[in-house]
Amino acid sequence: MKNPVVPYILIMAFGIGLIFFMSIYGVDKQEEIALENGEEQSSDSQSETQADSNKAFDPESFVQESCIGCHGNALEGAFGPALKGTSLSKDEIVEVLQNGKGQMPAFKDVDQAAIADYILSLE
């Protein structure tokens, strides 16, 4: 008597193997694939773009992009504590941004002082 589950298990194993192979292939051919798709930006120009973006750093957009997932849309707390009306000082906020705290990662490549000022300006 045939087991009706065997074909599904074989298809699943083949799919997982194919995904694994394609991901390894993509990692090895990342630069070639980028060039084929017209993305001619080298790592040097990417770092220059990041440097330019740091000059015009907008703490409000950074907080909206990076913080609302844990601190809530209104920054009044969700999974993480409330940022709006925080009792932390500017130095304490900068320290948390530099080192992270609990589940929160560190944010070292941003203007921590500007972010702290923005958080303290929230009412």
PDB file of N, CA and C in Angstrom:
ATOM      1  N   MET A   1       0.837  -1.178   0.000  1.00  0.00           N
ATOM      2  CA  MET A   1       0.000   0.000   0.000  1.00  0.00           C
ATOM      3  C   MET A   1       0.888   1.250   0.000  1.00  0.00           C
ATOM      4  N   LYS A   2       0.568   2.195  -0.872  1.00  0.00           N
ATOM      5  CA  LYS A   2       1.363   3.412  -1.008  1.00  0.00           C
ATOM      6  C   LYS A   2       0.960   4.419   0.062  1.00  0.00           C
ATOM      7  N   ASN A   3       1.951   5.141   0.520  1.00  0.00           N
ATOM      8  CA  ASN A   3       1.700   6.206   1.489  1.00  0.00           C
ATOM      9  C   ASN A   3       1.442   7.495   0.703  1.00  0.00           C
ATOM     10  N   PRO A   4       0.275   8.129   0.849  1.00  0.00           N
ATOM     11  CA  PRO A   4      -0.043   9.324   0.047  1.00  0.00           C
ATOM     12  C   PRO A   4       0.735  10.573   0.454  1.00  0.00           C
ATOM     13  N   VAL A   5       1.460  10.535   1.545  1.00  0.00           N
ATOM     14  CA  VAL A   5       2.185  11.702   2.029  1.00  0.00           C
ATOM     15  C   VAL A   5       3.568  11.811   1.377  1.00  0.00           C
ATOM     16  N   VAL A   6       4.103  10.712   0.890  1.00  0.00           N
ATOM     17  CA  VAL A   6       5.467  10.681   0.350  1.00  0.00           C
ATOM     18  C   VAL A   6       5.670  11.691  -0.778  1.00  0.00           C
ATOM     19  N   PRO A   7       4.784  11.813  -1.768  1.00  0.00           N
ATOM     20  CA  PRO A   7       5.033  12.817  -2.819  1.00  0.00           C
ATOM     21  C   PRO A   7       5.109  14.241  -2.278  1.00  0.00           C
ATOM     22  N   TYR A   8       4.301  14.552  -1.289  1.00  0.00           N
ATOM     23  CA  TYR A   8       4.340  15.896  -0.719  1.00  0.00           C
ATOM     24  C   TYR A   8       5.644  16.152   0.029  1.00  0.00           C
ATOM     25  N   ILE A   9       6.137  15.154   0.703  1.00  0.00           N
ATOM     26  CA  ILE A   9       7.413  15.288   1.412  1.00  0.00           C
ATOM     27  C   ILE A   9       8.545  15.467   0.402  1.00  0.00           C
ATOM     28  N   LEU A  10       8.509  14.733  -0.699  1.00  0.00           N
ATOM     29  CA  LEU A  10       9.532  14.884  -1.727  1.00  0.00           C
ATOM     30  C   LEU A  10       9.491  16.271  -2.364  1.00  0.00           C
ATOM     31  N   ILE A  11       8.308  16.775  -2.638  1.00  0.00           N
ATOM     32  CA  ILE A  11       8.168  18.114  -3.214  1.00  0.00           C
ATOM     33  C   ILE A  11       8.685  19.162  -2.235  1.00  0.00           C
ATOM     34  N   MET A  12       8.363  18.999  -0.939  1.00  0.00           N
ATOM     35  CA  MET A  12       8.834  19.943   0.077  1.00  0.00           C
ATOM     36  C   MET A  12      10.359  19.914   0.160  1.00  0.00           C
ATOM     37  N   ALA A  13      10.958  18.721   0.178  1.00  0.00           N
ATOM     38  CA  ALA A  13      12.411  18.602   0.260  1.00  0.00           C
ATOM     39  C   ALA A  13      13.068  19.224  -0.968  1.00  0.00           C
ATOM     40  N   PHE A  14      12.505  18.988  -2.153  1.00  0.00           N
ATOM     41  CA  PHE A  14      13.039  19.590  -3.366  1.00  0.00           C
ATOM     42  C   PHE A  14      12.948  21.112  -3.299  1.00  0.00           C
ATOM     43  N   GLY A  15      11.836  21.651  -2.819  1.00  0.00           N
ATOM     44  CA  GLY A  15      11.653  23.096  -2.706  1.00  0.00           C
ATOM     45  C   GLY A  15      12.646  23.721  -1.755  1.00  0.00           C
ATOM     46  N   ILE A  16      12.843  23.089  -0.605  1.00  0.00           N
ATOM     47  CA  ILE A  16      13.804  23.612   0.374  1.00  0.00           C
ATOM     48  C   ILE A  16      15.213  23.576  -0.210  1.00  0.00           C
ATOM     49  N   GLY A  17      15.557  22.488  -0.887  1.00  0.00           N
ATOM     50  CA  GLY A  17      16.874  22.394  -1.520  1.00  0.00           C
ATOM     51  C   GLY A  17      17.073  23.459  -2.584  1.00  0.00           C
ATOM     52  N   LEU A  18      16.029  23.704  -3.369  1.00  0.00           N
ATOM     53  CA  LEU A  18      16.104  24.721  -4.418  1.00  0.00           C
ATOM     54  C   LEU A  18      16.276  26.120  -3.821  1.00  0.00           C
ATOM     55  N   ILE A  19      15.550  26.419  -2.776  1.00  0.00           N
ATOM     56  CA  ILE A  19      15.688  27.722  -2.110  1.00  0.00           C
ATOM     57  C   ILE A  19      17.100  27.886  -1.560  1.00  0.00           C
ATOM     58  N   PHE A  20      17.627  26.828  -0.921  1.00  0.00           N
ATOM     59  CA  PHE A  20      18.976  26.882  -0.370  1.00  0.00           C
ATOM     60  C   PHE A  20      19.997  27.134  -1.483  1.00  0.00           C
ATOM     61  N   PHE A  21      19.891  26.387  -2.579  1.00  0.00           N
ATOM     62  CA  PHE A  21      20.823  26.552  -3.697  1.00  0.00           C
ATOM     63  C   PHE A  21      20.743  27.961  -4.273  1.00  0.00           C
ATOM     64  N   MET A  22      19.525  28.473  -4.471  1.00  0.00           N
ATOM     65  CA  MET A  22      19.366  29.801  -5.067  1.00  0.00           C
ATOM     66  C   MET A  22      19.924  30.890  -4.153  1.00  0.00           C
ATOM     67  N   SER A  23      19.769  30.724  -2.842  1.00  0.00           N
ATOM     68  CA  SER A  23      20.301  31.743  -1.936  1.00  0.00           C
ATOM     69  C   SER A  23      21.819  31.733  -1.938  1.00  0.00           C
ATOM     70  N   ILE A  24      22.423  30.551  -1.970  1.00  0.00           N
ATOM     71  CA  ILE A  24      23.886  30.464  -2.046  1.00  0.00           C
ATOM     72  C   ILE A  24      24.379  31.043  -3.369  1.00  0.00           C
ATOM     73  N   TYR A  25      23.699  30.732  -4.454  1.00  0.00           N
ATOM     74  CA  TYR A  25      24.054  31.260  -5.764  1.00  0.00           C
ATOM     75  C   TYR A  25      23.958  32.789  -5.763  1.00  0.00           C
ATOM     76  N   GLY A  26      22.921  33.328  -5.154  1.00  0.00           N
ATOM     77  CA  GLY A  26      22.731  34.776  -5.106  1.00  0.00           C
ATOM     78  C   GLY A  26      23.807  35.479  -4.314  1.00  0.00           C
ATOM     79  N   VAL A  27      24.261  34.882  -3.226  1.00  0.00           N
ATOM     80  CA  VAL A  27      25.312  35.491  -2.417  1.00  0.00           C
ATOM     81  C   VAL A  27      26.621  35.529  -3.206  1.00  0.00           C
ATOM     82  N   ASP A  28      26.924  34.444  -3.896  1.00  0.00           N
ATOM     83  CA  ASP A  28      28.168  34.390  -4.670  1.00  0.00           C
ATOM     84  C   ASP A  28      28.141  35.327  -5.872  1.00  0.00           C
ATOM     85  N   LYS A  29      26.991  35.550  -6.452  1.00  0.00           N
ATOM     86  CA  LYS A  29      26.864  36.343  -7.672  1.00  0.00           C
ATOM     87  C   LYS A  29      26.230  37.709  -7.431  1.00  0.00           C
ATOM     88  N   GLN A  30      26.285  38.203  -6.210  1.00  0.00           N
ATOM     89  CA  GLN A  30      25.606  39.445  -5.841  1.00  0.00           C
ATOM     90  C   GLN A  30      26.039  40.631  -6.714  1.00  0.00           C
ATOM     91  N   GLU A  31      27.324  40.808  -6.906  1.00  0.00           N
ATOM     92  CA  GLU A  31      27.804  41.946  -7.692  1.00  0.00           C
ATOM     93  C   GLU A  31      27.414  41.807  -9.160  1.00  0.00           C
ATOM     94  N   GLU A  32      27.508  40.585  -9.709  1.00  0.00           N
ATOM     95  CA  GLU A  32      27.134  40.374 -11.104  1.00  0.00           C
ATOM     96  C   GLU A  32      25.650  40.640 -11.329  1.00  0.00           C
ATOM     97  N   ILE A  33      24.826  40.183 -10.415  1.00  0.00           N
ATOM     98  CA  ILE A  33      23.383  40.387 -10.532  1.00  0.00           C
ATOM     99  C   ILE A  33      23.061  41.870 -10.454  1.00  0.00           C
ATOM    100  N   ALA A  34      23.735  42.598  -9.568  1.00  0.00           N
ATOM    101  CA  ALA A  34      23.496  44.036  -9.451  1.00  0.00           C
ATOM    102  C   ALA A  34      23.868  44.755 -10.735  1.00  0.00           C
ATOM    103  N   LEU A  35      24.984  44.364 -11.355  1.00  0.00           N
ATOM    104  CA  LEU A  35      25.397  44.990 -12.610  1.00  0.00           C
ATOM    105  C   LEU A  35      24.428  44.667 -13.741  1.00  0.00           C
ATOM    106  N   GLU A  36      23.916  43.445 -13.770  1.00  0.00           N
ATOM    107  CA  GLU A  36      22.946  43.069 -14.799  1.00  0.00           C
ATOM    108  C   GLU A  36      21.662  43.871 -14.669  1.00  0.00           C
ATOM    109  N   ASN A  37      21.302  44.232 -13.453  1.00  0.00           N
ATOM    110  CA  ASN A  37      20.074  44.992 -13.217  1.00  0.00           C
ATOM    111  C   ASN A  37      20.292  46.497 -13.319  1.00  0.00           C
ATOM    112  N   GLY A  38      21.486  46.919 -13.717  1.00  0.00           N
ATOM    113  CA  GLY A  38      21.755  48.336 -13.917  1.00  0.00           C
ATOM    114  C   GLY A  38      22.138  49.080 -12.663  1.00  0.00           C
ATOM    115  N   GLU A  39      22.411  48.364 -11.597  1.00  0.00           N
ATOM    116  CA  GLU A  39      22.840  49.012 -10.364  1.00  0.00           C
ATOM    117  C   GLU A  39      24.358  49.079 -10.379  1.00  0.00           C
ATOM    118  N   GLU A  40      24.879  50.230 -10.777  1.00  0.00           N
ATOM    119  CA  GLU A  40      26.321  50.376 -10.950  1.00  0.00           C
ATOM    120  C   GLU A  40      26.981  51.056  -9.762  1.00  0.00           C
ATOM    121  N   GLN A  41      26.308  51.071  -8.645  1.00  0.00           N
ATOM    122  CA  GLN A  41      26.842  51.757  -7.486  1.00  0.00           C
ATOM    123  C   GLN A  41      27.839  50.854  -6.778  1.00  0.00           C
ATOM    124  N   SER A  42      29.073  51.298  -6.669  1.00  0.00           N
ATOM    125  CA  SER A  42      30.088  50.515  -5.976  1.00  0.00           C
ATOM    126  C   SER A  42      29.994  50.763  -4.483  1.00  0.00           C
ATOM    127  N   SER A  43      30.765  49.995  -3.717  1.00  0.00           N
ATOM    128  CA  SER A  43      30.741  50.170  -2.271  1.00  0.00           C
ATOM    129  C   SER A  43      31.276  51.542  -1.879  1.00  0.00           C
ATOM    130  N   ASP A  44      32.222  52.098  -2.674  1.00  0.00           N
ATOM    131  CA  ASP A  44      32.743  53.440  -2.380  1.00  0.00           C
ATOM    132  C   ASP A  44      31.655  54.483  -2.567  1.00  0.00           C
ATOM    133  N   SER A  45      30.884  54.376  -3.647  1.00  0.00           N
ATOM    134  CA  SER A  45      29.834  55.366  -3.871  1.00  0.00           C
ATOM    135  C   SER A  45      28.692  55.183  -2.880  1.00  0.00           C
ATOM    136  N   GLN A  46      28.479  53.939  -2.415  1.00  0.00           N
ATOM    137  CA  GLN A  46      27.464  53.720  -1.383  1.00  0.00           C
ATOM    138  C   GLN A  46      27.876  54.390  -0.083  1.00  0.00           C
ATOM    139  N   SER A  47      29.160  54.303   0.280  1.00  0.00           N
ATOM    140  CA  SER A  47      29.612  54.944   1.509  1.00  0.00           C
ATOM    141  C   SER A  47      29.554  56.461   1.373  1.00  0.00           C
ATOM    142  N   GLU A  48      29.817  56.995   0.145  1.00  0.00           N
ATOM    143  CA  GLU A  48      29.682  58.432  -0.069  1.00  0.00           C
ATOM    144  C   GLU A  48      28.227  58.861   0.066  1.00  0.00           C
ATOM    145  N   THR A  49      27.309  58.039  -0.437  1.00  0.00           N
ATOM    146  CA  THR A  49      25.886  58.344  -0.313  1.00  0.00           C
ATOM    147  C   THR A  49      25.472  58.345   1.147  1.00  0.00           C
ATOM    148  N   GLN A  50      25.988  57.373   1.922  1.00  0.00           N
ATOM    149  CA  GLN A  50      25.676  57.340   3.347  1.00  0.00           C
ATOM    150  C   GLN A  50      26.251  58.557   4.051  1.00  0.00           C
ATOM    151  N   ALA A  51      27.454  58.978   3.669  1.00  0.00           N
ATOM    152  CA  ALA A  51      28.054  60.156   4.284  1.00  0.00           C
ATOM    153  C   ALA A  51      27.224  61.392   3.968  1.00  0.00           C
ATOM    154  N   ASP A  52      26.753  61.502   2.713  1.00  0.00           N
ATOM    155  CA  ASP A  52      25.905  62.632   2.340  1.00  0.00           C
ATOM    156  C   ASP A  52      24.590  62.605   3.107  1.00  0.00           C
ATOM    157  N   SER A  53      24.035  61.426   3.295  1.00  0.00           N
ATOM    158  CA  SER A  53      22.764  61.337   4.018  1.00  0.00           C
ATOM    159  C   SER A  53      22.952  61.674   5.489  1.00  0.00           C
ATOM    160  N   ASN A  54      24.161  61.410   6.047  1.00  0.00           N
ATOM    161  CA  ASN A  54      24.411  61.767   7.445  1.00  0.00           C
ATOM    162  C   ASN A  54      24.508  63.281   7.618  1.00  0.00           C
ATOM    163  N   LYS A  55      24.960  64.012   6.565  1.00  0.00           N
ATOM    164  CA  LYS A  55      25.062  65.461   6.662  1.00  0.00           C
ATOM    165  C   LYS A  55      23.673  66.074   6.804  1.00  0.00           C
ATOM    166  N   ALA A  56      22.711  65.525   6.115  1.00  0.00           N
ATOM    167  CA  ALA A  56      21.349  66.039   6.157  1.00  0.00           C
ATOM    168  C   ALA A  56      20.477  65.107   6.987  1.00  0.00           C
ATOM    169  N   PHE A  57      20.968  64.713   8.148  1.00  0.00           N
ATOM    170  CA  PHE A  57      20.265  63.755   8.993  1.00  0.00           C
ATOM    171  C   PHE A  57      18.985  64.368   9.547  1.00  0.00           C
ATOM    172  N   ASP A  58      17.889  63.645   9.409  1.00  0.00           N
ATOM    173  CA  ASP A  58      16.594  64.084   9.905  1.00  0.00           C
ATOM    174  C   ASP A  58      16.164  63.150  11.032  1.00  0.00           C
ATOM    175  N   PRO A  59      16.281  63.582  12.286  1.00  0.00           N
ATOM    176  CA  PRO A  59      15.956  62.687  13.394  1.00  0.00           C
ATOM    177  C   PRO A  59      14.489  62.262  13.404  1.00  0.00           C
ATOM    178  N   GLU A  60      13.596  63.133  12.943  1.00  0.00           N
ATOM    179  CA  GLU A  60      12.171  62.780  12.941  1.00  0.00           C
ATOM    180  C   GLU A  60      11.910  61.594  12.009  1.00  0.00           C
ATOM    181  N   SER A  61      12.476  61.625  10.808  1.00  0.00           N
ATOM    182  CA  SER A  61      12.259  60.513   9.890  1.00  0.00           C
ATOM    183  C   SER A  61      12.945  59.247  10.394  1.00  0.00           C
ATOM    184  N   PHE A  62      14.112  59.397  11.040  1.00  0.00           N
ATOM    185  CA  PHE A  62      14.778  58.223  11.607  1.00  0.00           C
ATOM    186  C   PHE A  62      13.908  57.573  12.670  1.00  0.00           C
ATOM    187  N   VAL A  63      13.350  58.387  13.568  1.00  0.00           N
ATOM    188  CA  VAL A  63      12.490  57.850  14.626  1.00  0.00           C
ATOM    189  C   VAL A  63      11.256  57.195  14.022  1.00  0.00           C
ATOM    190  N   GLN A  64      10.665  57.824  12.997  1.00  0.00           N
ATOM    191  CA  GLN A  64       9.483  57.242  12.364  1.00  0.00           C
ATOM    192  C   GLN A  64       9.811  55.911  11.681  1.00  0.00           C
ATOM    193  N   GLU A  65      10.990  55.783  11.109  1.00  0.00           N
ATOM    194  CA  GLU A  65      11.371  54.558  10.420  1.00  0.00           C
ATOM    195  C   GLU A  65      11.837  53.466  11.374  1.00  0.00           C
ATOM    196  N   SER A  66      12.549  53.843  12.427  1.00  0.00           N
ATOM    197  CA  SER A  66      13.229  52.849  13.245  1.00  0.00           C
ATOM    198  C   SER A  66      12.597  52.584  14.602  1.00  0.00           C
ATOM    199  N   CYS A  67      11.793  53.486  15.109  1.00  0.00           N
ATOM    200  CA  CYS A  67      11.358  53.370  16.497  1.00  0.00           C
ATOM    201  C   CYS A  67       9.892  53.000  16.684  1.00  0.00           C
ATOM    202  N   ILE A  68       9.053  53.312  15.687  1.00  0.00           N
ATOM    203  CA  ILE A  68       7.612  53.109  15.904  1.00  0.00           C
ATOM    204  C   ILE A  68       7.229  51.642  16.002  1.00  0.00           C
ATOM    205  N   GLY A  69       8.061  50.758  15.489  1.00  0.00           N
ATOM    206  CA  GLY A  69       7.759  49.332  15.568  1.00  0.00           C
ATOM    207  C   GLY A  69       7.652  48.846  17.001  1.00  0.00           C
ATOM    208  N   CYS A  70       8.473  49.368  17.879  1.00  0.00           N
ATOM    209  CA  CYS A  70       8.459  48.942  19.282  1.00  0.00           C
ATOM    210  C   CYS A  70       7.835  49.976  20.211  1.00  0.00           C
ATOM    211  N   HIS A  71       8.001  51.249  19.875  1.00  0.00           N
ATOM    212  CA  HIS A  71       7.528  52.305  20.773  1.00  0.00           C
ATOM    213  C   HIS A  71       6.150  52.826  20.383  1.00  0.00           C
ATOM    214  N   GLY A  72       5.547  52.298  19.326  1.00  0.00           N
ATOM    215  CA  GLY A  72       4.194  52.673  18.923  1.00  0.00           C
ATOM    216  C   GLY A  72       4.175  53.838  17.950  1.00  0.00           C
ATOM    217  N   ASN A  73       3.086  53.940  17.177  1.00  0.00           N
ATOM    218  CA  ASN A  73       2.954  55.001  16.179  1.00  0.00           C
ATOM    219  C   ASN A  73       3.027  56.390  16.794  1.00  0.00           C
ATOM    220  N   ALA A  74       2.455  56.563  17.970  1.00  0.00           N
ATOM    221  CA  ALA A  74       2.473  57.860  18.634  1.00  0.00           C
ATOM    222  C   ALA A  74       3.646  57.977  19.606  1.00  0.00           C
ATOM    223  N   LEU A  75       4.529  56.975  19.606  1.00  0.00           N
ATOM    224  CA  LEU A  75       5.704  56.933  20.490  1.00  0.00           C
ATOM    225  C   LEU A  75       5.307  56.992  21.961  1.00  0.00           C
ATOM    226  N   GLU A  76       4.130  56.480  22.268  1.00  0.00           N
ATOM    227  CA  GLU A  76       3.636  56.474  23.645  1.00  0.00           C
ATOM    228  C   GLU A  76       3.784  55.110  24.299  1.00  0.00           C
ATOM    229  N   GLY A  77       4.563  54.251  23.669  1.00  0.00           N
ATOM    230  CA  GLY A  77       4.830  52.940  24.239  1.00  0.00           C
ATOM    231  C   GLY A  77       3.992  51.865  23.592  1.00  0.00           C
ATOM    232  N   ALA A  78       4.610  50.747  23.346  1.00  0.00           N
ATOM    233  CA  ALA A  78       3.932  49.554  22.833  1.00  0.00           C
ATOM    234  C   ALA A  78       4.700  48.384  23.426  1.00  0.00           C
ATOM    235  N   PHE A  79       5.626  47.823  22.663  1.00  0.00           N
ATOM    236  CA  PHE A  79       6.500  46.787  23.219  1.00  0.00           C
ATOM    237  C   PHE A  79       7.607  47.434  24.049  1.00  0.00           C
ATOM    238  N   GLY A  80       8.033  48.601  23.629  1.00  0.00           N
ATOM    239  CA  GLY A  80       9.060  49.340  24.353  1.00  0.00           C
ATOM    240  C   GLY A  80       8.416  50.466  25.138  1.00  0.00           C
ATOM    241  N   PRO A  81       9.177  51.122  25.999  1.00  0.00           N
ATOM    242  CA  PRO A  81       8.610  52.207  26.808  1.00  0.00           C
ATOM    243  C   PRO A  81       8.260  53.432  25.959  1.00  0.00           C
ATOM    244  N   ALA A  82       7.484  54.320  26.530  1.00  0.00           N
ATOM    245  CA  ALA A  82       7.076  55.546  25.845  1.00  0.00           C
ATOM    246  C   ALA A  82       8.281  56.459  25.644  1.00  0.00           C
ATOM    247  N   LEU A  83       8.399  57.009  24.446  1.00  0.00           N
ATOM    248  CA  LEU A  83       9.427  58.017  24.188  1.00  0.00           C
ATOM    249  C   LEU A  83       8.864  59.409  24.443  1.00  0.00           C
ATOM    250  N   LYS A  84       7.586  59.570  24.139  1.00  0.00           N
ATOM    251  CA  LYS A  84       6.926  60.856  24.353  1.00  0.00           C
ATOM    252  C   LYS A  84       6.784  61.073  25.854  1.00  0.00           C
ATOM    253  N   GLY A  85       7.338  62.177  26.340  1.00  0.00           N
ATOM    254  CA  GLY A  85       7.250  62.488  27.766  1.00  0.00           C
ATOM    255  C   GLY A  85       8.192  61.654  28.615  1.00  0.00           C
ATOM    256  N   THR A  86       9.290  61.201  28.049  1.00  0.00           N
ATOM    257  CA  THR A  86      10.234  60.378  28.801  1.00  0.00           C
ATOM    258  C   THR A  86      10.870  61.174  29.934  1.00  0.00           C
ATOM    259  N   SER A  87      11.256  60.462  30.981  1.00  0.00           N
ATOM    260  CA  SER A  87      11.913  61.112  32.116  1.00  0.00           C
ATOM    261  C   SER A  87      13.434  61.036  31.994  1.00  0.00           C
ATOM    262  N   LEU A  88      13.931  60.444  30.918  1.00  0.00           N
ATOM    263  CA  LEU A  88      15.376  60.339  30.721  1.00  0.00           C
ATOM    264  C   LEU A  88      15.970  61.682  30.297  1.00  0.00           C
ATOM    265  N   SER A  89      17.216  61.899  30.687  1.00  0.00           N
ATOM    266  CA  SER A  89      17.921  63.105  30.255  1.00  0.00           C
ATOM    267  C   SER A  89      18.504  62.869  28.866  1.00  0.00           C
ATOM    268  N   LYS A  90      19.013  63.934  28.264  1.00  0.00           N
ATOM    269  CA  LYS A  90      19.621  63.826  26.932  1.00  0.00           C
ATOM    270  C   LYS A  90      20.790  62.852  26.960  1.00  0.00           C
ATOM    271  N   ASP A  91      21.643  62.940  27.979  1.00  0.00           N
ATOM    272  CA  ASP A  91      22.799  62.053  28.081  1.00  0.00           C
ATOM    273  C   ASP A  91      22.373  60.594  28.233  1.00  0.00           C
ATOM    274  N   GLU A  92      21.300  60.347  28.975  1.00  0.00           N
ATOM    275  CA  GLU A  92      20.812  58.979  29.150  1.00  0.00           C
ATOM    276  C   GLU A  92      20.259  58.421  27.839  1.00  0.00           C
ATOM    277  N   ILE A  93      19.562  59.258  27.079  1.00  0.00           N
ATOM    278  CA  ILE A  93      19.035  58.824  25.780  1.00  0.00           C
ATOM    279  C   ILE A  93      20.179  58.509  24.827  1.00  0.00           C
ATOM    280  N   VAL A  94      21.194  59.371  24.801  1.00  0.00           N
ATOM    281  CA  VAL A  94      22.356  59.140  23.935  1.00  0.00           C
ATOM    282  C   VAL A  94      23.044  57.837  24.329  1.00  0.00           C
ATOM    283  N   GLU A  95      23.171  57.579  25.620  1.00  0.00           N
ATOM    284  CA  GLU A  95      23.801  56.338  26.078  1.00  0.00           C
ATOM    285  C   GLU A  95      23.012  55.107  25.621  1.00  0.00           C
ATOM    286  N   VAL A  96      21.678  55.170  25.710  1.00  0.00           N
ATOM    287  CA  VAL A  96      20.847  54.054  25.241  1.00  0.00           C
ATOM    288  C   VAL A  96      21.004  53.863  23.739  1.00  0.00           C
ATOM    289  N   LEU A  97      21.068  54.972  22.984  1.00  0.00           N
ATOM    290  CA  LEU A  97      21.250  54.866  21.534  1.00  0.00           C
ATOM    291  C   LEU A  97      22.619  54.274  21.183  1.00  0.00           C
ATOM    292  N   GLN A  98      23.640  54.618  21.943  1.00  0.00           N
ATOM    293  CA  GLN A  98      24.982  54.124  21.667  1.00  0.00           C
ATOM    294  C   GLN A  98      25.143  52.646  22.015  1.00  0.00           C
ATOM    295  N   ASN A  99      24.546  52.222  23.143  1.00  0.00           N
ATOM    296  CA  ASN A  99      24.796  50.882  23.649  1.00  0.00           C
ATOM    297  C   ASN A  99      23.620  49.927  23.515  1.00  0.00           C
ATOM    298  N   GLY A 100      22.439  50.448  23.216  1.00  0.00           N
ATOM    299  CA  GLY A 100      21.253  49.614  23.203  1.00  0.00           C
ATOM    300  C   GLY A 100      20.813  49.323  24.632  1.00  0.00           C
ATOM    301  N   LYS A 101      19.636  48.720  24.763  1.00  0.00           N
ATOM    302  CA  LYS A 101      19.160  48.385  26.103  1.00  0.00           C
ATOM    303  C   LYS A 101      18.106  47.299  25.968  1.00  0.00           C
ATOM    304  N   GLY A 102      18.288  46.177  26.658  1.00  0.00           N
ATOM    305  CA  GLY A 102      17.341  45.071  26.554  1.00  0.00           C
ATOM    306  C   GLY A 102      17.288  44.559  25.129  1.00  0.00           C
ATOM    307  N   GLN A 103      16.107  44.575  24.523  1.00  0.00           N
ATOM    308  CA  GLN A 103      15.932  44.114  23.147  1.00  0.00           C
ATOM    309  C   GLN A 103      16.286  45.186  22.121  1.00  0.00           C
ATOM    310  N   MET A 104      16.455  46.419  22.569  1.00  0.00           N
ATOM    311  CA  MET A 104      16.740  47.517  21.642  1.00  0.00           C
ATOM    312  C   MET A 104      18.191  47.456  21.184  1.00  0.00           C
ATOM    313  N   PRO A 105      18.416  47.510  19.860  1.00  0.00           N
ATOM    314  CA  PRO A 105      19.795  47.490  19.367  1.00  0.00           C
ATOM    315  C   PRO A 105      20.452  48.855  19.519  1.00  0.00           C
ATOM    316  N   ALA A 106      21.766  48.874  19.407  1.00  0.00           N
ATOM    317  CA  ALA A 106      22.516  50.130  19.414  1.00  0.00           C
ATOM    318  C   ALA A 106      22.419  50.772  18.037  1.00  0.00           C
ATOM    319  N   PHE A 107      22.390  52.094  18.014  1.00  0.00           N
ATOM    320  CA  PHE A 107      22.391  52.861  16.762  1.00  0.00           C
ATOM    321  C   PHE A 107      23.625  53.749  16.786  1.00  0.00           C
ATOM    322  N   LYS A 108      24.728  53.242  16.248  1.00  0.00           N
ATOM    323  CA  LYS A 108      26.000  53.954  16.344  1.00  0.00           C
ATOM    324  C   LYS A 108      26.278  54.862  15.164  1.00  0.00           C
ATOM    325  N   ASP A 109      25.649  54.617  14.015  1.00  0.00           N
ATOM    326  CA  ASP A 109      25.965  55.372  12.801  1.00  0.00           C
ATOM    327  C   ASP A 109      24.978  56.501  12.543  1.00  0.00           C
ATOM    328  N   VAL A 110      24.398  57.054  13.599  1.00  0.00           N
ATOM    329  CA  VAL A 110      23.439  58.145  13.459  1.00  0.00           C
ATOM    330  C   VAL A 110      23.821  59.268  14.419  1.00  0.00           C
ATOM    331  N   ASP A 111      23.197  60.411  14.245  1.00  0.00           N
ATOM    332  CA  ASP A 111      23.439  61.549  15.127  1.00  0.00           C
ATOM    333  C   ASP A 111      22.593  61.367  16.387  1.00  0.00           C
ATOM    334  N   GLN A 112      23.179  60.728  17.390  1.00  0.00           N
ATOM    335  CA  GLN A 112      22.427  60.407  18.606  1.00  0.00           C
ATOM    336  C   GLN A 112      21.957  61.657  19.342  1.00  0.00           C
ATOM    337  N   ALA A 113      22.748  62.719  19.332  1.00  0.00           N
ATOM    338  CA  ALA A 113      22.361  63.950  20.018  1.00  0.00           C
ATOM    339  C   ALA A 113      21.116  64.556  19.376  1.00  0.00           C
ATOM    340  N   ALA A 114      21.055  64.539  18.042  1.00  0.00           N
ATOM    341  CA  ALA A 114      19.887  65.083  17.347  1.00  0.00           C
ATOM    342  C   ALA A 114      18.640  64.240  17.647  1.00  0.00           C
ATOM    343  N   ILE A 115      18.811  62.929  17.704  1.00  0.00           N
ATOM    344  CA  ILE A 115      17.684  62.056  18.045  1.00  0.00           C
ATOM    345  C   ILE A 115      17.217  62.331  19.465  1.00  0.00           C
ATOM    346  N   ALA A 116      18.157  62.480  20.397  1.00  0.00           N
ATOM    347  CA  ALA A 116      17.806  62.772  21.790  1.00  0.00           C
ATOM    348  C   ALA A 116      17.066  64.093  21.890  1.00  0.00           C
ATOM    349  N   ASP A 117      17.529  65.111  21.186  1.00  0.00           N
ATOM    350  CA  ASP A 117      16.832  66.404  21.194  1.00  0.00           C
ATOM    351  C   ASP A 117      15.418  66.264  20.650  1.00  0.00           C
ATOM    352  N   TYR A 118      15.276  65.483  19.569  1.00  0.00           N
ATOM    353  CA  TYR A 118      13.935  65.292  18.996  1.00  0.00           C
ATOM    354  C   TYR A 118      13.017  64.573  19.978  1.00  0.00           C
ATOM    355  N   ILE A 119      13.528  63.526  20.618  1.00  0.00           N
ATOM    356  CA  ILE A 119      12.700  62.782  21.587  1.00  0.00           C
ATOM    357  C   ILE A 119      12.285  63.672  22.743  1.00  0.00           C
ATOM    358  N   LEU A 120      13.204  64.490  23.204  1.00  0.00           N
ATOM    359  CA  LEU A 120      12.884  65.387  24.324  1.00  0.00           C
ATOM    360  C   LEU A 120      11.911  66.494  23.909  1.00  0.00           C
ATOM    361  N   SER A 121      11.836  66.785  22.589  1.00  0.00           N
ATOM    362  CA  SER A 121      10.908  67.836  22.129  1.00  0.00           C
ATOM    363  C   SER A 121       9.484  67.301  21.959  1.00  0.00           C
ATOM    364  N   LEU A 122       9.310  65.990  22.025  1.00  0.00           N
ATOM    365  CA  LEU A 122       7.967  65.413  21.850  1.00  0.00           C
ATOM    366  C   LEU A 122       7.076  65.796  23.026  1.00  0.00           C
ATOM    367  N   GLU A 123       5.889  66.211  22.748  1.00  0.00           N
ATOM    368  CA  GLU A 123       4.930  66.566  23.814  1.00  0.00           C
ATOM    369  C   GLU A 123       3.669  65.788  23.640  1.00  0.00           C
TER     370      GLU A 123
END
